[in-house]
Amino acid sequence: MRGKGIVAAGDSAPDAMLENGKGQPVRLSEIWQGTRLVLVFMRHLG
C-alpha cells in the first residue's frame, strides 16, 4: 500500500504547478504535451 501523494515508477504524474528555470510558474501538462518528460528532484544541503 502506498501513502497519499506517492507516485511509483510507471504511474502517471499529477498535473502539478512547478517553477521553470526563470522562476516562472508552469504546469507539467504544458511541458509534456506530445512528448516524454523526465523530472529530476535534487536536494540542496548547503
PDB file of N, CA and C in Angstrom:
ATOM      1  N   MET A   1       0.840  -1.189   0.000  1.00  0.00           N
ATOM      2  CA  MET A   1       0.000   0.000   0.000  1.00  0.00           C
ATOM      3  C   MET A   1       0.881   1.247   0.000  1.00  0.00           C
ATOM      4  N   ARG A   2       0.574   2.168  -0.868  1.00  0.00           N
ATOM      5  CA  ARG A   2       1.335   3.412  -0.954  1.00  0.00           C
ATOM      6  C   ARG A   2       0.612   4.520  -0.214  1.00  0.00           C
ATOM      7  N   GLY A   3       1.398   5.427   0.354  1.00  0.00           N
ATOM      8  CA  GLY A   3       0.820   6.573   1.048  1.00  0.00           C
ATOM      9  C   GLY A   3       0.254   7.578   0.068  1.00  0.00           C
ATOM     10  N   LYS A   4      -0.558   8.466   0.562  1.00  0.00           N
ATOM     11  CA  LYS A   4      -1.160   9.507  -0.273  1.00  0.00           C
ATOM     12  C   LYS A   4      -0.070  10.406  -0.841  1.00  0.00           C
ATOM     13  N   GLY A   5      -0.142  10.685  -2.129  1.00  0.00           N
ATOM     14  CA  GLY A   5       0.816  11.573  -2.759  1.00  0.00           C
ATOM     15  C   GLY A   5       2.069  10.889  -3.273  1.00  0.00           C
ATOM     16  N   ILE A   6       2.189   9.578  -3.059  1.00  0.00           N
ATOM     17  CA  ILE A   6       3.366   8.847  -3.526  1.00  0.00           C
ATOM     18  C   ILE A   6       3.124   8.392  -4.958  1.00  0.00           C
ATOM     19  N   VAL A   7       4.073   8.663  -5.850  1.00  0.00           N
ATOM     20  CA  VAL A   7       3.987   8.248  -7.242  1.00  0.00           C
ATOM     21  C   VAL A   7       5.061   7.195  -7.463  1.00  0.00           C
ATOM     22  N   ALA A   8       4.659   6.032  -7.943  1.00  0.00           N
ATOM     23  CA  ALA A   8       5.595   4.938  -8.198  1.00  0.00           C
ATOM     24  C   ALA A   8       6.013   4.947  -9.665  1.00  0.00           C
ATOM     25  N   ALA A   9       7.086   4.238  -9.965  1.00  0.00           N
ATOM     26  CA  ALA A   9       7.548   4.106 -11.346  1.00  0.00           C
ATOM     27  C   ALA A   9       6.417   3.546 -12.199  1.00  0.00           C
ATOM     28  N   GLY A  10       6.165   4.156 -13.331  1.00  0.00           N
ATOM     29  CA  GLY A  10       5.109   3.718 -14.230  1.00  0.00           C
ATOM     30  C   GLY A  10       3.776   4.412 -14.011  1.00  0.00           C
ATOM     31  N   ASP A  11       3.605   5.088 -12.876  1.00  0.00           N
ATOM     32  CA  ASP A  11       2.376   5.842 -12.614  1.00  0.00           C
ATOM     33  C   ASP A  11       2.377   7.135 -13.422  1.00  0.00           C
ATOM     34  N   SER A  12       1.195   7.630 -13.720  1.00  0.00           N
ATOM     35  CA  SER A  12       1.085   8.949 -14.342  1.00  0.00           C
ATOM     36  C   SER A  12       1.330  10.011 -13.280  1.00  0.00           C
ATOM     37  N   ALA A  13       2.059  11.022 -13.651  1.00  0.00           N
ATOM     38  CA  ALA A  13       2.342  12.110 -12.712  1.00  0.00           C
ATOM     39  C   ALA A  13       1.125  13.018 -12.595  1.00  0.00           C
ATOM     40  N   PRO A  14       0.886  13.577 -11.428  1.00  0.00           N
ATOM     41  CA  PRO A  14      -0.203  14.547 -11.290  1.00  0.00           C
ATOM     42  C   PRO A  14       0.147  15.827 -12.049  1.00  0.00           C
ATOM     43  N   ASP A  15      -0.862  16.581 -12.441  1.00  0.00           N
ATOM     44  CA  ASP A  15      -0.625  17.834 -13.160  1.00  0.00           C
ATOM     45  C   ASP A  15      -0.277  18.918 -12.147  1.00  0.00           C
ATOM     46  N   ALA A  16       0.967  18.945 -11.754  1.00  0.00           N
ATOM     47  CA  ALA A  16       1.427  19.856 -10.706  1.00  0.00           C
ATOM     48  C   ALA A  16       1.895  21.183 -11.295  1.00  0.00           C
ATOM     49  N   MET A  17       1.907  22.203 -10.469  1.00  0.00           N
ATOM     50  CA  MET A  17       2.442  23.509 -10.835  1.00  0.00           C
ATOM     51  C   MET A  17       3.858  23.592 -10.278  1.00  0.00           C
ATOM     52  N   LEU A  18       4.821  23.897 -11.152  1.00  0.00           N
ATOM     53  CA  LEU A  18       6.228  23.999 -10.776  1.00  0.00           C
ATOM     54  C   LEU A  18       6.776  25.337 -11.233  1.00  0.00           C
ATOM     55  N   GLU A  19       8.027  25.603 -10.910  1.00  0.00           N
ATOM     56  CA  GLU A  19       8.715  26.794 -11.417  1.00  0.00           C
ATOM     57  C   GLU A  19       9.714  26.363 -12.477  1.00  0.00           C
ATOM     58  N   ASN A  20       9.799  27.139 -13.562  1.00  0.00           N
ATOM     59  CA  ASN A  20      10.804  26.856 -14.578  1.00  0.00           C
ATOM     60  C   ASN A  20      12.144  27.453 -14.140  1.00  0.00           C
ATOM     61  N   GLY A  21      13.135  27.380 -14.976  1.00  0.00           N
ATOM     62  CA  GLY A  21      14.464  27.880 -14.645  1.00  0.00           C
ATOM     63  C   GLY A  21      14.527  29.377 -14.396  1.00  0.00           C
ATOM     64  N   LYS A  22      13.504  30.113 -14.839  1.00  0.00           N
ATOM     65  CA  LYS A  22      13.442  31.561 -14.628  1.00  0.00           C
ATOM     66  C   LYS A  22      12.560  31.937 -13.446  1.00  0.00           C
ATOM     67  N   GLY A  23      12.081  30.914 -12.700  1.00  0.00           N
ATOM     68  CA  GLY A  23      11.235  31.173 -11.542  1.00  0.00           C
ATOM     69  C   GLY A  23       9.775  31.433 -11.873  1.00  0.00           C
ATOM     70  N   GLN A  24       9.389  31.220 -13.133  1.00  0.00           N
ATOM     71  CA  GLN A  24       8.007  31.443 -13.551  1.00  0.00           C
ATOM     72  C   GLN A  24       7.198  30.159 -13.373  1.00  0.00           C
ATOM     73  N   PRO A  25       5.922  30.259 -12.965  1.00  0.00           N
ATOM     74  CA  PRO A  25       5.103  29.064 -12.790  1.00  0.00           C
ATOM     75  C   PRO A  25       4.769  28.409 -14.128  1.00  0.00           C
ATOM     76  N   VAL A  26       4.778  27.094 -14.140  1.00  0.00           N
ATOM     77  CA  VAL A  26       4.425  26.327 -15.336  1.00  0.00           C
ATOM     78  C   VAL A  26       3.793  25.005 -14.894  1.00  0.00           C
ATOM     79  N   ARG A  27       2.761  24.567 -15.610  1.00  0.00           N
ATOM     80  CA  ARG A  27       2.112  23.283 -15.314  1.00  0.00           C
ATOM     81  C   ARG A  27       2.843  22.165 -16.054  1.00  0.00           C
ATOM     82  N   LEU A  28       2.928  21.006 -15.427  1.00  0.00           N
ATOM     83  CA  LEU A  28       3.560  19.863 -16.082  1.00  0.00           C
ATOM     84  C   LEU A  28       2.879  19.536 -17.403  1.00  0.00           C
ATOM     85  N   SER A  29       1.553  19.645 -17.453  1.00  0.00           N
ATOM     86  CA  SER A  29       0.821  19.309 -18.677  1.00  0.00           C
ATOM     87  C   SER A  29       1.222  20.208 -19.846  1.00  0.00           C
ATOM     88  N   GLU A  30       1.674  21.430 -19.580  1.00  0.00           N
ATOM     89  CA  GLU A  30       2.128  22.325 -20.644  1.00  0.00           C
ATOM     90  C   GLU A  30       3.457  21.847 -21.217  1.00  0.00           C
ATOM     91  N   ILE A  31       4.270  21.212 -20.388  1.00  0.00           N
ATOM     92  CA  ILE A  31       5.594  20.764 -20.814  1.00  0.00           C
ATOM     93  C   ILE A  31       5.519  19.437 -21.557  1.00  0.00           C
ATOM     94  N   TRP A  32       4.728  18.483 -21.054  1.00  0.00           N
ATOM     95  CA  TRP A  32       4.783  17.130 -21.586  1.00  0.00           C
ATOM     96  C   TRP A  32       3.814  16.861 -22.733  1.00  0.00           C
ATOM     97  N   GLN A  33       3.094  17.831 -23.239  1.00  0.00           N
ATOM     98  CA  GLN A  33       2.151  17.600 -24.335  1.00  0.00           C
ATOM     99  C   GLN A  33       2.877  17.074 -25.561  1.00  0.00           C
ATOM    100  N   GLY A  34       2.539  15.849 -25.964  1.00  0.00           N
ATOM    101  CA  GLY A  34       3.089  15.257 -27.178  1.00  0.00           C
ATOM    102  C   GLY A  34       4.521  14.781 -27.072  1.00  0.00           C
ATOM    103  N   THR A  35       5.074  14.732 -25.893  1.00  0.00           N
ATOM    104  CA  THR A  35       6.461  14.293 -25.741  1.00  0.00           C
ATOM    105  C   THR A  35       6.637  13.592 -24.403  1.00  0.00           C
ATOM    106  N   ARG A  36       7.796  13.062 -24.161  1.00  0.00           N
ATOM    107  CA  ARG A  36       8.105  12.436 -22.879  1.00  0.00           C
ATOM    108  C   ARG A  36       8.811  13.448 -21.995  1.00  0.00           C
ATOM    109  N   LEU A  37       8.719  13.225 -20.702  1.00  0.00           N
ATOM    110  CA  LEU A  37       9.284  14.171 -19.750  1.00  0.00           C
ATOM    111  C   LEU A  37      10.001  13.418 -18.649  1.00  0.00           C
ATOM    112  N   VAL A  38      11.196  13.846 -18.311  1.00  0.00           N
ATOM    113  CA  VAL A  38      11.948  13.277 -17.195  1.00  0.00           C
ATOM    114  C   VAL A  38      12.105  14.368 -16.146  1.00  0.00           C
ATOM    115  N   LEU A  39      11.668  14.083 -14.932  1.00  0.00           N
ATOM    116  CA  LEU A  39      11.811  15.025 -13.827  1.00  0.00           C
ATOM    117  C   LEU A  39      12.941  14.569 -12.929  1.00  0.00           C
ATOM    118  N   VAL A  40      13.776  15.496 -12.535  1.00  0.00           N
ATOM    119  CA  VAL A  40      14.869  15.202 -11.613  1.00  0.00           C
ATOM    120  C   VAL A  40      14.681  16.095 -10.398  1.00  0.00           C
ATOM    121  N   PHE A  41      14.609  15.480  -9.231  1.00  0.00           N
ATOM    122  CA  PHE A  41      14.466  16.219  -7.983  1.00  0.00           C
ATOM    123  C   PHE A  41      15.797  16.161  -7.253  1.00  0.00           C
ATOM    124  N   MET A  42      16.342  17.320  -6.934  1.00  0.00           N
ATOM    125  CA  MET A  42      17.624  17.393  -6.238  1.00  0.00           C
ATOM    126  C   MET A  42      17.423  18.104  -4.912  1.00  0.00           C
ATOM    127  N   ARG A  43      18.105  17.630  -3.922  1.00  0.00           N
ATOM    128  CA  ARG A  43      18.016  18.229  -2.595  1.00  0.00           C
ATOM    129  C   ARG A  43      19.315  18.972  -2.322  1.00  0.00           C
ATOM    130  N   HIS A  44      19.211  20.248  -2.069  1.00  0.00           N
ATOM    131  CA  HIS A  44      20.395  21.070  -1.813  1.00  0.00           C
ATOM    132  C   HIS A  44      20.646  21.114  -0.315  1.00  0.00           C
ATOM    133  N   LEU A  45      21.822  20.732   0.094  1.00  0.00           N
ATOM    134  CA  LEU A  45      22.149  20.681   1.519  1.00  0.00           C
ATOM    135  C   LEU A  45      23.202  21.714   1.882  1.00  0.00           C
ATOM    136  N   GLY A  46      23.149  22.877   1.289  1.00  0.00           N
ATOM    137  CA  GLY A  46      24.184  23.854   1.520  1.00  0.00           C
ATOM    138  C   GLY A  46      23.714  24.965   2.316  1.00  0.00           C
TER     139      GLY A  46
END
